[in-house]
Amino acid sequence: MNELFNQRKSVRSFKADPIEKKELKEILEAANSAPSAGNLKARKIIIVAEKEKKEELAKAAYDQEFIAEAPVAIVFVALPKVSSHKYGEKGEKLYSIQDATIAASFAWLQTVDLGLAACWVGGFDEKNLQQSLGLAENEKPVVILPIGHST
């Protein structure tokens, strides 16, 4: 694990080479294996591979163009209502965010283990990103994780 942790770094330049479906499946399996409060999995994972949609993500993320450059971007979204049913306000304001965050962390570590690269993007205009992804007002984007082969 220490070796994996030491290999992990933020990469902001990607080759155009696609990610294999098997690799993406492994990344998503890792994300879905992440623990969550009450095992509610109060999160949504959105895969964005279309160039136009990745460009929208980049624009929502204050013009961080490398997001559009990556073959795929995965957006981790907190579902506060799911968590609040069991845990009330703490579930809404904390646990659902933690659920999305730890899933993103697991995905990033699996990405590195596969020899791929990623960057944690938490800087974005929430309303713009919600609109771009067609999210409901109560669905909170937490992380954009562009993934690809490092240049």
N, C-alpha and C. Protein backbone atom coordinates (compact mmCIF):
# COMPACT_ATOMS: atom_id res chain seq x y z
N MET A 1 0.81 -1.19 0.00
CA MET A 1 0.00 0.00 0.00
C MET A 1 0.86 1.26 0.00
N ASN A 2 1.96 1.24 0.76
CA ASN A 2 2.81 2.44 0.78
C ASN A 2 3.32 2.78 -0.61
N GLU A 3 3.67 1.74 -1.37
CA GLU A 3 4.15 1.97 -2.73
C GLU A 3 3.05 2.62 -3.58
N LEU A 4 1.83 2.12 -3.43
CA LEU A 4 0.70 2.69 -4.16
C LEU A 4 0.46 4.14 -3.76
N PHE A 5 0.48 4.41 -2.46
CA PHE A 5 0.29 5.79 -1.98
C PHE A 5 1.37 6.72 -2.54
N ASN A 6 2.60 6.24 -2.60
CA ASN A 6 3.70 7.05 -3.09
C ASN A 6 3.64 7.28 -4.60
N GLN A 7 3.00 6.37 -5.32
CA GLN A 7 2.84 6.52 -6.78
C GLN A 7 1.74 7.52 -7.13
N ARG A 8 0.79 7.71 -6.25
CA ARG A 8 -0.36 8.57 -6.51
C ARG A 8 0.08 10.02 -6.54
N LYS A 9 -0.26 10.69 -7.62
CA LYS A 9 0.01 12.12 -7.73
C LYS A 9 -1.04 12.73 -8.64
N SER A 10 -1.20 14.03 -8.56
CA SER A 10 -2.16 14.72 -9.41
C SER A 10 -1.55 14.94 -10.78
N VAL A 11 -2.22 14.42 -11.80
CA VAL A 11 -1.75 14.54 -13.18
C VAL A 11 -2.74 15.41 -13.94
N ARG A 12 -2.22 16.39 -14.65
CA ARG A 12 -3.07 17.34 -15.38
C ARG A 12 -2.76 17.37 -16.87
N SER A 13 -2.17 16.30 -17.37
CA SER A 13 -1.87 16.20 -18.80
C SER A 13 -2.04 14.73 -19.20
N PHE A 14 -2.93 14.51 -20.16
CA PHE A 14 -3.28 13.14 -20.54
C PHE A 14 -3.06 12.90 -22.02
N LYS A 15 -2.69 11.65 -22.35
CA LYS A 15 -2.64 11.21 -23.74
C LYS A 15 -4.07 10.97 -24.21
N ALA A 16 -4.24 10.92 -25.51
CA ALA A 16 -5.57 10.67 -26.08
C ALA A 16 -5.95 9.19 -26.02
N ASP A 17 -5.01 8.33 -25.64
CA ASP A 17 -5.26 6.89 -25.60
C ASP A 17 -6.47 6.57 -24.73
N PRO A 18 -7.38 5.75 -25.24
CA PRO A 18 -8.57 5.42 -24.44
C PRO A 18 -8.25 4.51 -23.26
N ILE A 19 -9.16 4.49 -22.32
CA ILE A 19 -9.08 3.56 -21.19
C ILE A 19 -9.85 2.31 -21.60
N GLU A 20 -9.29 1.16 -21.30
CA GLU A 20 -9.97 -0.09 -21.63
C GLU A 20 -11.21 -0.25 -20.75
N LYS A 21 -12.23 -0.89 -21.31
CA LYS A 21 -13.47 -1.12 -20.56
C LYS A 21 -13.20 -1.92 -19.29
N LYS A 22 -12.29 -2.86 -19.38
CA LYS A 22 -11.93 -3.68 -18.21
C LYS A 22 -11.34 -2.80 -17.10
N GLU A 23 -10.50 -1.85 -17.48
CA GLU A 23 -9.90 -0.95 -16.50
C GLU A 23 -10.98 -0.07 -15.83
N LEU A 24 -11.86 0.47 -16.65
CA LEU A 24 -12.93 1.31 -16.11
C LEU A 24 -13.82 0.49 -15.18
N LYS A 25 -14.08 -0.74 -15.55
CA LYS A 25 -14.89 -1.61 -14.69
C LYS A 25 -14.21 -1.83 -13.34
N GLU A 26 -12.91 -2.05 -13.34
CA GLU A 26 -12.17 -2.25 -12.09
C GLU A 26 -12.20 -1.00 -11.23
N ILE A 27 -12.09 0.17 -11.86
CA ILE A 27 -12.13 1.43 -11.13
C ILE A 27 -13.49 1.60 -10.46
N LEU A 28 -14.54 1.32 -11.21
CA LEU A 28 -15.91 1.45 -10.67
C LEU A 28 -16.18 0.43 -9.58
N GLU A 29 -15.67 -0.78 -9.74
CA GLU A 29 -15.83 -1.80 -8.69
C GLU A 29 -15.15 -1.34 -7.40
N ALA A 30 -13.97 -0.75 -7.53
CA ALA A 30 -13.27 -0.25 -6.34
C ALA A 30 -14.10 0.86 -5.68
N ALA A 31 -14.61 1.78 -6.48
CA ALA A 31 -15.43 2.87 -5.94
C ALA A 31 -16.66 2.32 -5.23
N ASN A 32 -17.30 1.35 -5.84
CA ASN A 32 -18.52 0.78 -5.26
C ASN A 32 -18.24 -0.09 -4.03
N SER A 33 -16.99 -0.50 -3.85
CA SER A 33 -16.65 -1.29 -2.66
C SER A 33 -16.37 -0.41 -1.45
N ALA A 34 -16.31 0.89 -1.66
CA ALA A 34 -15.99 1.81 -0.56
C ALA A 34 -17.08 1.76 0.51
N PRO A 35 -16.68 1.87 1.76
CA PRO A 35 -17.68 1.87 2.84
C PRO A 35 -18.53 3.12 2.79
N SER A 36 -19.68 3.03 3.41
CA SER A 36 -20.56 4.20 3.49
C SER A 36 -21.36 4.12 4.79
N ALA A 37 -21.79 5.27 5.26
CA ALA A 37 -22.57 5.33 6.50
C ALA A 37 -23.83 4.50 6.37
N GLY A 38 -23.98 3.54 7.26
CA GLY A 38 -25.16 2.68 7.26
C GLY A 38 -25.28 1.83 6.02
N ASN A 39 -24.19 1.71 5.25
CA ASN A 39 -24.18 0.99 3.98
C ASN A 39 -25.26 1.52 3.03
N LEU A 40 -25.58 2.81 3.15
CA LEU A 40 -26.62 3.41 2.32
C LEU A 40 -26.13 3.77 0.92
N LYS A 41 -24.81 3.90 0.78
CA LYS A 41 -24.21 4.31 -0.49
C LYS A 41 -24.92 5.56 -1.02
N ALA A 42 -24.93 6.59 -0.19
CA ALA A 42 -25.61 7.85 -0.51
C ALA A 42 -24.77 8.66 -1.49
N ARG A 43 -24.54 8.06 -2.65
CA ARG A 43 -23.71 8.68 -3.67
C ARG A 43 -24.15 8.19 -5.05
N LYS A 44 -23.79 8.95 -6.04
CA LYS A 44 -24.03 8.59 -7.43
C LYS A 44 -22.70 8.77 -8.14
N ILE A 45 -22.41 7.88 -9.07
CA ILE A 45 -21.17 7.95 -9.84
C ILE A 45 -21.54 8.11 -11.31
N ILE A 46 -21.05 9.18 -11.91
CA ILE A 46 -21.38 9.48 -13.30
C ILE A 46 -20.11 9.43 -14.14
N ILE A 47 -20.15 8.63 -15.19
CA ILE A 47 -19.02 8.50 -16.11
C ILE A 47 -19.27 9.42 -17.30
N VAL A 48 -18.29 10.26 -17.58
CA VAL A 48 -18.40 11.19 -18.70
C VAL A 48 -17.25 10.91 -19.67
N ALA A 49 -17.61 10.48 -20.88
CA ALA A 49 -16.61 10.18 -21.89
C ALA A 49 -16.79 11.01 -23.16
N GLU A 50 -17.96 11.61 -23.34
CA GLU A 50 -18.23 12.40 -24.54
C GLU A 50 -17.45 13.72 -24.47
N LYS A 51 -16.78 14.06 -25.56
CA LYS A 51 -15.93 15.25 -25.59
C LYS A 51 -16.70 16.52 -25.21
N GLU A 52 -17.86 16.71 -25.79
CA GLU A 52 -18.63 17.92 -25.51
C GLU A 52 -19.00 18.02 -24.02
N LYS A 53 -19.37 16.91 -23.44
CA LYS A 53 -19.76 16.90 -22.02
C LYS A 53 -18.53 17.13 -21.13
N LYS A 54 -17.38 16.57 -21.50
CA LYS A 54 -16.15 16.82 -20.73
C LYS A 54 -15.76 18.29 -20.82
N GLU A 55 -15.99 18.91 -21.97
CA GLU A 55 -15.71 20.34 -22.11
C GLU A 55 -16.62 21.16 -21.19
N GLU A 56 -17.87 20.72 -21.02
CA GLU A 56 -18.78 21.39 -20.09
C GLU A 56 -18.27 21.26 -18.65
N LEU A 57 -17.76 20.06 -18.32
CA LEU A 57 -17.20 19.86 -16.98
C LEU A 57 -16.02 20.80 -16.76
N ALA A 58 -15.15 20.87 -17.76
CA ALA A 58 -13.97 21.73 -17.65
C ALA A 58 -14.38 23.19 -17.45
N LYS A 59 -15.39 23.63 -18.18
CA LYS A 59 -15.86 25.00 -18.04
C LYS A 59 -16.44 25.23 -16.64
N ALA A 60 -17.24 24.27 -16.15
CA ALA A 60 -17.81 24.38 -14.80
C ALA A 60 -16.72 24.38 -13.73
N ALA A 61 -15.59 23.77 -14.05
CA ALA A 61 -14.46 23.69 -13.12
C ALA A 61 -13.48 24.85 -13.35
N TYR A 62 -14.04 26.01 -13.62
CA TYR A 62 -13.24 27.22 -13.79
C TYR A 62 -12.17 27.07 -14.87
N ASP A 63 -12.60 26.46 -15.99
CA ASP A 63 -11.77 26.32 -17.19
C ASP A 63 -10.51 25.47 -16.99
N GLN A 64 -10.63 24.43 -16.21
CA GLN A 64 -9.52 23.49 -16.05
C GLN A 64 -9.57 22.51 -17.23
N GLU A 65 -8.94 22.92 -18.33
CA GLU A 65 -9.06 22.25 -19.62
C GLU A 65 -8.57 20.80 -19.61
N PHE A 66 -7.70 20.45 -18.71
CA PHE A 66 -7.19 19.07 -18.69
C PHE A 66 -8.31 18.06 -18.45
N ILE A 67 -9.41 18.50 -17.87
CA ILE A 67 -10.55 17.60 -17.65
C ILE A 67 -11.07 17.10 -18.99
N ALA A 68 -11.19 17.99 -19.96
CA ALA A 68 -11.67 17.63 -21.29
C ALA A 68 -10.65 16.80 -22.05
N GLU A 69 -9.39 16.94 -21.68
CA GLU A 69 -8.29 16.22 -22.33
C GLU A 69 -8.28 14.73 -21.96
N ALA A 70 -8.70 14.40 -20.76
CA ALA A 70 -8.69 13.01 -20.28
C ALA A 70 -9.72 12.19 -21.07
N PRO A 71 -9.42 10.93 -21.32
CA PRO A 71 -10.38 10.08 -22.04
C PRO A 71 -11.71 9.93 -21.30
N VAL A 72 -11.64 9.99 -19.98
CA VAL A 72 -12.85 9.82 -19.17
C VAL A 72 -12.75 10.69 -17.92
N ALA A 73 -13.89 11.18 -17.49
CA ALA A 73 -13.97 11.89 -16.21
C ALA A 73 -15.10 11.25 -15.43
N ILE A 74 -14.84 10.97 -14.17
CA ILE A 74 -15.86 10.39 -13.31
C ILE A 74 -16.25 11.45 -12.29
N VAL A 75 -17.54 11.68 -12.17
CA VAL A 75 -18.04 12.66 -11.21
C VAL A 75 -18.72 11.92 -10.07
N PHE A 76 -18.32 12.25 -8.86
CA PHE A 76 -18.88 11.64 -7.67
C PHE A 76 -19.84 12.64 -7.03
N VAL A 77 -21.06 12.19 -6.82
CA VAL A 77 -22.15 13.05 -6.38
C VAL A 77 -22.71 12.52 -5.06
N ALA A 78 -22.85 13.40 -4.09
CA ALA A 78 -23.46 13.05 -2.81
C ALA A 78 -24.98 13.12 -2.95
N LEU A 79 -25.66 12.19 -2.29
CA LEU A 79 -27.13 12.15 -2.27
C LEU A 79 -27.61 12.38 -0.84
N PRO A 80 -27.64 13.64 -0.42
CA PRO A 80 -27.96 13.96 0.97
C PRO A 80 -29.30 13.41 1.46
N LYS A 81 -30.32 13.39 0.61
CA LYS A 81 -31.63 12.89 1.03
C LYS A 81 -31.58 11.42 1.42
N VAL A 82 -30.77 10.64 0.72
CA VAL A 82 -30.65 9.21 1.03
C VAL A 82 -30.13 9.03 2.45
N SER A 83 -29.09 9.76 2.78
CA SER A 83 -28.47 9.64 4.09
C SER A 83 -29.31 10.28 5.20
N SER A 84 -30.03 11.35 4.86
CA SER A 84 -30.80 12.05 5.89
C SER A 84 -31.98 11.23 6.40
N HIS A 85 -32.48 10.31 5.60
CA HIS A 85 -33.61 9.48 6.05
C HIS A 85 -33.24 8.68 7.29
N LYS A 86 -31.98 8.27 7.36
CA LYS A 86 -31.55 7.47 8.52
C LYS A 86 -30.83 8.31 9.57
N TYR A 87 -30.07 9.31 9.12
CA TYR A 87 -29.19 10.03 10.03
C TYR A 87 -29.53 11.51 10.22
N GLY A 88 -30.62 11.96 9.64
CA GLY A 88 -31.03 13.35 9.82
C GLY A 88 -30.05 14.34 9.23
N GLU A 89 -29.90 15.47 9.92
CA GLU A 89 -29.07 16.55 9.40
C GLU A 89 -27.60 16.14 9.24
N LYS A 90 -27.10 15.33 10.16
CA LYS A 90 -25.69 14.92 10.05
C LYS A 90 -25.48 14.06 8.80
N GLY A 91 -26.45 13.20 8.49
CA GLY A 91 -26.38 12.41 7.27
C GLY A 91 -26.41 13.28 6.03
N GLU A 92 -27.28 14.30 6.08
CA GLU A 92 -27.43 15.20 4.94
C GLU A 92 -26.18 16.03 4.69
N LYS A 93 -25.63 16.59 5.76
CA LYS A 93 -24.53 17.56 5.60
C LYS A 93 -23.13 16.95 5.69
N LEU A 94 -23.02 15.74 6.22
CA LEU A 94 -21.69 15.15 6.38
C LEU A 94 -21.57 13.76 5.76
N TYR A 95 -22.40 12.83 6.20
CA TYR A 95 -22.21 11.43 5.80
C TYR A 95 -22.31 11.22 4.29
N SER A 96 -23.26 11.89 3.64
CA SER A 96 -23.39 11.72 2.20
C SER A 96 -22.16 12.25 1.47
N ILE A 97 -21.60 13.35 1.97
CA ILE A 97 -20.37 13.90 1.38
C ILE A 97 -19.22 12.92 1.59
N GLN A 98 -19.13 12.36 2.78
CA GLN A 98 -18.08 11.37 3.05
C GLN A 98 -18.24 10.15 2.14
N ASP A 99 -19.49 9.70 1.94
CA ASP A 99 -19.72 8.54 1.07
C ASP A 99 -19.17 8.77 -0.33
N ALA A 100 -19.44 9.95 -0.90
CA ALA A 100 -18.95 10.26 -2.24
C ALA A 100 -17.43 10.41 -2.25
N THR A 101 -16.90 11.02 -1.20
CA THR A 101 -15.46 11.28 -1.12
C THR A 101 -14.66 9.99 -1.01
N ILE A 102 -15.09 9.08 -0.17
CA ILE A 102 -14.30 7.85 -0.02
C ILE A 102 -14.42 6.98 -1.27
N ALA A 103 -15.56 7.01 -1.94
CA ALA A 103 -15.69 6.27 -3.21
C ALA A 103 -14.70 6.83 -4.24
N ALA A 104 -14.59 8.16 -4.29
CA ALA A 104 -13.64 8.79 -5.21
C ALA A 104 -12.20 8.41 -4.86
N SER A 105 -11.90 8.35 -3.57
CA SER A 105 -10.55 7.97 -3.13
C SER A 105 -10.22 6.54 -3.55
N PHE A 106 -11.16 5.64 -3.35
CA PHE A 106 -10.94 4.24 -3.76
C PHE A 106 -10.74 4.16 -5.28
N ALA A 107 -11.54 4.93 -6.03
CA ALA A 107 -11.40 4.93 -7.49
C ALA A 107 -10.02 5.43 -7.91
N TRP A 108 -9.56 6.49 -7.25
CA TRP A 108 -8.25 7.05 -7.60
C TRP A 108 -7.14 6.04 -7.32
N LEU A 109 -7.20 5.40 -6.17
CA LEU A 109 -6.16 4.41 -5.84
C LEU A 109 -6.17 3.23 -6.82
N GLN A 110 -7.36 2.79 -7.23
CA GLN A 110 -7.44 1.71 -8.21
C GLN A 110 -6.88 2.18 -9.55
N THR A 111 -7.15 3.43 -9.89
CA THR A 111 -6.61 4.01 -11.13
C THR A 111 -5.09 3.92 -11.13
N VAL A 112 -4.48 4.33 -10.05
CA VAL A 112 -3.02 4.30 -9.93
C VAL A 112 -2.51 2.85 -9.99
N ASP A 113 -3.21 1.95 -9.33
CA ASP A 113 -2.80 0.54 -9.33
C ASP A 113 -2.82 -0.04 -10.74
N LEU A 114 -3.67 0.49 -11.60
CA LEU A 114 -3.76 0.02 -12.99
C LEU A 114 -2.73 0.70 -13.89
N GLY A 115 -1.93 1.60 -13.33
CA GLY A 115 -0.92 2.29 -14.12
C GLY A 115 -1.46 3.51 -14.86
N LEU A 116 -2.64 3.95 -14.47
CA LEU A 116 -3.26 5.12 -15.06
C LEU A 116 -3.04 6.33 -14.16
N ALA A 117 -3.50 7.48 -14.62
CA ALA A 117 -3.30 8.72 -13.87
C ALA A 117 -4.64 9.43 -13.69
N ALA A 118 -4.69 10.29 -12.68
CA ALA A 118 -5.91 11.06 -12.40
C ALA A 118 -5.54 12.33 -11.65
N CYS A 119 -6.55 13.17 -11.49
CA CYS A 119 -6.39 14.39 -10.69
C CYS A 119 -7.70 14.65 -9.96
N TRP A 120 -7.61 14.94 -8.69
CA TRP A 120 -8.77 15.26 -7.86
C TRP A 120 -9.14 16.71 -8.15
N VAL A 121 -10.35 16.93 -8.66
CA VAL A 121 -10.81 18.29 -8.95
C VAL A 121 -12.01 18.57 -8.06
N GLY A 122 -11.80 19.46 -7.10
CA GLY A 122 -12.87 19.86 -6.20
C GLY A 122 -13.29 21.29 -6.41
N GLY A 123 -12.57 21.99 -7.29
CA GLY A 123 -12.89 23.39 -7.57
C GLY A 123 -13.80 23.49 -8.78
N PHE A 124 -15.06 23.81 -8.54
CA PHE A 124 -16.02 23.97 -9.64
C PHE A 124 -17.21 24.76 -9.15
N ASP A 125 -17.95 25.31 -10.10
CA ASP A 125 -19.20 26.00 -9.81
C ASP A 125 -20.28 24.93 -9.68
N GLU A 126 -20.77 24.72 -8.48
CA GLU A 126 -21.70 23.63 -8.21
C GLU A 126 -22.96 23.71 -9.06
N LYS A 127 -23.57 24.86 -9.15
CA LYS A 127 -24.81 25.02 -9.93
C LYS A 127 -24.58 24.73 -11.40
N ASN A 128 -23.47 25.22 -11.93
CA ASN A 128 -23.13 24.99 -13.33
C ASN A 128 -22.93 23.49 -13.60
N LEU A 129 -22.23 22.83 -12.68
CA LEU A 129 -21.98 21.40 -12.83
C LEU A 129 -23.28 20.60 -12.70
N GLN A 130 -24.11 20.96 -11.74
CA GLN A 130 -25.41 20.29 -11.59
C GLN A 130 -26.22 20.40 -12.88
N GLN A 131 -26.24 21.58 -13.45
CA GLN A 131 -27.01 21.81 -14.67
C GLN A 131 -26.43 20.99 -15.82
N SER A 132 -25.13 20.99 -15.97
CA SER A 132 -24.47 20.25 -17.04
C SER A 132 -24.77 18.76 -16.98
N LEU A 133 -24.83 18.23 -15.76
CA LEU A 133 -25.05 16.80 -15.57
C LEU A 133 -26.52 16.43 -15.41
N GLY A 134 -27.39 17.44 -15.39
CA GLY A 134 -28.81 17.17 -15.22
C GLY A 134 -29.15 16.67 -13.82
N LEU A 135 -28.42 17.16 -12.83
CA LEU A 135 -28.65 16.74 -11.45
C LEU A 135 -29.77 17.54 -10.81
N ALA A 136 -30.44 16.93 -9.87
CA ALA A 136 -31.44 17.63 -9.07
C ALA A 136 -30.73 18.59 -8.13
N GLU A 137 -31.44 19.57 -7.65
CA GLU A 137 -30.84 20.57 -6.75
C GLU A 137 -30.27 19.93 -5.48
N ASN A 138 -30.88 18.84 -5.02
CA ASN A 138 -30.42 18.19 -3.79
C ASN A 138 -29.32 17.16 -4.04
N GLU A 139 -28.86 17.01 -5.27
CA GLU A 139 -27.73 16.13 -5.57
C GLU A 139 -26.49 17.00 -5.67
N LYS A 140 -25.50 16.73 -4.81
CA LYS A 140 -24.35 17.61 -4.65
C LYS A 140 -23.08 17.01 -5.27
N PRO A 141 -22.59 17.59 -6.37
CA PRO A 141 -21.31 17.11 -6.90
C PRO A 141 -20.19 17.41 -5.90
N VAL A 142 -19.32 16.43 -5.73
CA VAL A 142 -18.24 16.55 -4.74
C VAL A 142 -16.87 16.55 -5.40
N VAL A 143 -16.68 15.67 -6.38
CA VAL A 143 -15.36 15.49 -7.01
C VAL A 143 -15.53 15.18 -8.49
N ILE A 144 -14.66 15.78 -9.30
CA ILE A 144 -14.50 15.35 -10.68
C ILE A 144 -13.13 14.66 -10.73
N LEU A 145 -13.09 13.45 -11.27
CA LEU A 145 -11.84 12.69 -11.34
C LEU A 145 -11.54 12.36 -12.80
N PRO A 146 -10.80 13.24 -13.50
CA PRO A 146 -10.40 12.90 -14.87
C PRO A 146 -9.35 11.80 -14.82
N ILE A 147 -9.49 10.82 -15.73
CA ILE A 147 -8.62 9.65 -15.70
C ILE A 147 -8.10 9.36 -17.10
N GLY A 148 -6.83 8.99 -17.16
CA GLY A 148 -6.24 8.61 -18.44
C GLY A 148 -4.80 8.18 -18.28
N HIS A 149 -4.11 8.14 -19.41
CA HIS A 149 -2.69 7.81 -19.42
C HIS A 149 -1.91 9.13 -19.35
N SER A 150 -1.00 9.21 -18.44
CA SER A 150 -0.19 10.42 -18.25
C SER A 150 0.71 10.65 -19.47
N THR A 151 0.91 11.95 -19.81
CA THR A 151 1.84 12.26 -20.91
C THR A 151 3.27 12.19 -20.43
